[in-house]
Protein backbone atom coordinates (compact mmCIF):
# COMPACT_ATOMS: atom_id res chain seq x y z
CA MET A 1 6.94 -39.49 -12.26
CA LYS A 2 3.36 -39.26 -10.93
CA LYS A 3 4.61 -37.33 -7.91
CA ARG A 4 6.32 -34.76 -10.14
CA ALA A 5 3.19 -34.34 -12.29
CA ILE A 6 1.06 -33.81 -9.18
CA LEU A 7 3.49 -31.22 -7.81
CA LEU A 8 3.54 -29.37 -11.13
CA GLY A 9 -0.27 -29.41 -11.21
CA VAL A 10 -0.51 -28.02 -7.68
CA ALA A 11 2.04 -25.31 -8.53
CA ALA A 12 0.03 -24.33 -11.61
CA VAL A 13 -3.20 -24.09 -9.59
CA LEU A 14 -1.48 -21.94 -6.95
CA ALA A 15 -0.04 -19.65 -9.63
CA MET A 16 -3.48 -19.29 -11.25
CA GLY A 17 -4.95 -18.51 -7.82
CA ALA A 18 -2.40 -15.73 -7.30
CA VAL A 19 -3.27 -14.25 -10.71
CA CYS A 20 -7.01 -14.42 -9.94
CA PHE A 21 -6.40 -12.86 -6.51
CA ALA A 22 -4.51 -10.00 -8.13
CA ALA A 23 -7.18 -9.51 -10.79
CA ASP A 24 -9.88 -9.21 -8.10
CA ASP A 25 -7.97 -6.56 -6.14
CA PRO A 26 -9.07 -3.05 -7.20
CA ASN A 27 -5.93 -1.58 -5.57
CA MET A 28 -3.70 -3.22 -8.17
CA GLY A 29 -2.08 -0.92 -10.69
CA THR A 30 -0.23 2.37 -10.91
CA TRP A 31 -1.74 5.37 -9.11
CA LYS A 32 -0.69 9.01 -9.58
CA LEU A 33 -1.43 11.72 -7.01
CA ASN A 34 -4.06 14.26 -8.04
CA GLU A 35 -2.79 17.24 -6.02
CA ALA A 36 -5.75 19.44 -6.96
CA LYS A 37 -8.14 17.05 -5.17
CA SER A 38 -5.80 16.27 -2.23
CA LYS A 39 -5.19 17.99 1.14
CA PHE A 40 -2.03 17.72 3.23
CA SER A 41 -0.89 19.20 6.54
CA ALA A 42 2.32 21.22 6.15
CA SER A 43 4.69 18.49 7.35
CA ALA A 44 2.91 15.52 5.73
CA THR A 45 4.67 13.42 3.10
CA LYS A 46 3.10 13.55 -0.36
CA ASN A 47 3.19 10.14 -2.00
CA THR A 48 3.14 11.16 -5.65
CA ALA A 49 3.10 7.67 -7.18
CA VAL A 50 1.99 4.31 -5.81
CA VAL A 51 2.38 0.98 -7.60
CA VAL A 52 0.50 -2.06 -6.26
CA GLU A 53 1.37 -5.37 -7.92
CA ALA A 54 1.34 -9.10 -7.33
CA ALA A 55 4.56 -10.62 -6.02
CA GLY A 56 3.99 -14.37 -6.04
CA ASP A 57 1.20 -14.96 -3.55
CA SER A 58 1.89 -11.60 -1.87
CA ILE A 59 1.28 -7.95 -2.71
CA LYS A 60 4.10 -5.47 -3.37
CA VAL A 61 3.54 -1.75 -2.81
CA THR A 62 6.14 0.72 -4.11
CA ILE A 63 5.75 4.36 -3.13
CA ASP A 64 7.59 7.45 -4.39
CA GLY A 65 7.00 10.83 -2.83
CA VAL A 66 8.30 13.97 -1.17
CA THR A 67 8.52 14.67 2.56
CA GLY A 68 7.11 17.86 4.08
CA ASP A 69 10.60 19.39 3.95
CA GLY A 70 11.12 18.53 0.27
CA LYS A 71 13.22 15.36 0.46
CA ALA A 72 12.52 12.53 -1.98
CA VAL A 73 11.35 9.28 -0.42
CA HIS A 74 11.04 5.81 -1.94
CA SER A 75 9.68 2.86 -0.01
CA GLU A 76 8.79 -0.75 -0.72
CA TRP A 77 6.57 -3.18 1.15
CA THR A 78 5.72 -6.80 0.37
CA GLY A 79 3.12 -8.70 2.36
CA MET A 80 -0.52 -9.75 2.59
CA TYR A 81 -3.78 -8.01 3.52
CA ASP A 82 -3.91 -10.05 6.74
CA GLY A 83 -3.33 -7.38 9.38
CA LYS A 84 0.18 -8.65 10.17
CA ASP A 85 3.22 -6.36 10.24
CA TYR A 86 5.58 -6.68 7.27
CA ALA A 87 8.85 -4.80 6.85
CA VAL A 88 9.09 -1.56 4.89
CA THR A 89 12.33 -0.44 3.32
CA GLY A 90 13.25 3.14 2.49
CA ASP A 91 11.01 5.19 4.79
CA PRO A 92 12.70 6.71 7.86
CA THR A 93 9.43 7.36 9.73
CA TYR A 94 8.27 3.74 10.04
CA ASP A 95 9.67 0.26 9.57
CA THR A 96 6.57 -1.96 9.31
CA ARG A 97 3.18 -1.64 7.67
CA SER A 98 0.13 -3.86 7.90
CA TYR A 99 -2.95 -3.89 5.68
CA LYS A 100 -6.33 -5.40 6.42
CA LYS A 101 -9.32 -5.69 4.09
CA VAL A 102 -12.36 -3.79 5.35
CA ASP A 103 -14.48 -4.67 2.32
CA SER A 104 -13.93 -5.43 -1.37
CA ARG A 105 -12.73 -1.87 -2.15
CA THR A 106 -11.40 -0.65 1.22
CA LEU A 107 -8.23 -1.36 3.20
CA SER A 108 -7.03 -0.14 6.57
CA ALA A 109 -3.30 0.29 7.15
CA THR A 110 -1.20 0.64 10.29
CA LEU A 111 2.37 2.01 10.24
CA LYS A 112 4.78 1.26 13.08
CA LYS A 113 8.23 2.33 14.19
CA GLY A 114 9.38 -0.48 16.44
CA ASP A 115 6.28 -1.47 18.41
CA LYS A 116 4.80 2.05 18.36
CA VAL A 117 1.98 2.96 15.97
CA VAL A 118 3.03 6.14 14.14
CA GLY A 119 0.29 6.27 11.53
CA THR A 120 -2.98 4.85 10.27
CA ALA A 121 -4.72 5.09 6.93
CA ARG A 122 -7.93 4.11 5.21
CA ILE A 123 -7.63 3.36 1.49
CA HIS A 124 -10.76 3.29 -0.63
CA VAL A 125 -11.04 2.59 -4.38
CA SER A 126 -14.03 4.13 -6.14
CA ALA A 127 -16.75 1.89 -7.57
CA ASP A 128 -15.55 2.58 -11.13
CA GLY A 129 -11.94 1.72 -10.14
CA LYS A 130 -10.57 4.99 -11.56
CA SER A 131 -9.68 6.76 -8.31
CA ARG A 132 -8.29 5.86 -4.93
CA THR A 133 -8.58 7.99 -1.77
CA VAL A 134 -6.16 7.58 1.13
CA THR A 135 -7.12 9.29 4.40
CA ALA A 136 -4.16 9.19 6.79
CA THR A 137 -3.08 10.47 10.18
CA GLY A 138 0.29 10.08 11.79
CA THR A 139 3.42 11.55 13.27
CA ASP A 140 6.34 12.79 11.17
CA ALA A 141 10.05 12.28 11.92
CA MET A 142 10.03 15.43 14.12
CA GLY A 143 7.11 14.14 16.20
CA LYS A 144 4.57 16.54 14.66
CA LYS A 145 1.02 15.31 13.98
CA THR A 146 0.19 15.03 10.27
CA SER A 147 -2.98 14.40 8.34
CA SER A 148 -3.78 14.04 4.71
CA THR A 149 -6.44 13.11 2.24
CA ALA A 150 -4.71 12.01 -0.94
CA VAL A 151 -6.66 11.31 -4.10
CA TYR A 152 -5.02 9.20 -6.80
CA ASP A 153 -5.95 8.62 -10.43
CA LYS A 154 -5.39 5.18 -11.94
CA GLN A 155 -2.86 5.25 -14.76
């Protein structure tokens, strides 16, 4: 009986830690693209909505957007901000993404297709937490270089 109580106590502490971790992450929430403040190269994908949420002790990022040629794209990623590659589903241009914390409001991301880096990004949340800027470079499905500066408003 004592063993069960201890295990339940540890599980509760871990769950509370995950909630606190999520609450401290300024990236958490729903973000909508502000096209008027954003710049994209012609073939770059526009991620129109990004949802960042806790998934147990991990982070889940769901992205909806439109490719440079007008096709809808939906991708999902679940992992940690530890710089390790985690699988992405739904995006034909890359199959893993890694995030690493630069500071309390900034992340760096690396996108890979197989072992090849096909994109990088820097994600910065404003001090007031109301906007998020993603500066990205990469290669599209046709092998063309892309760049973008996407500004998002917190919903």
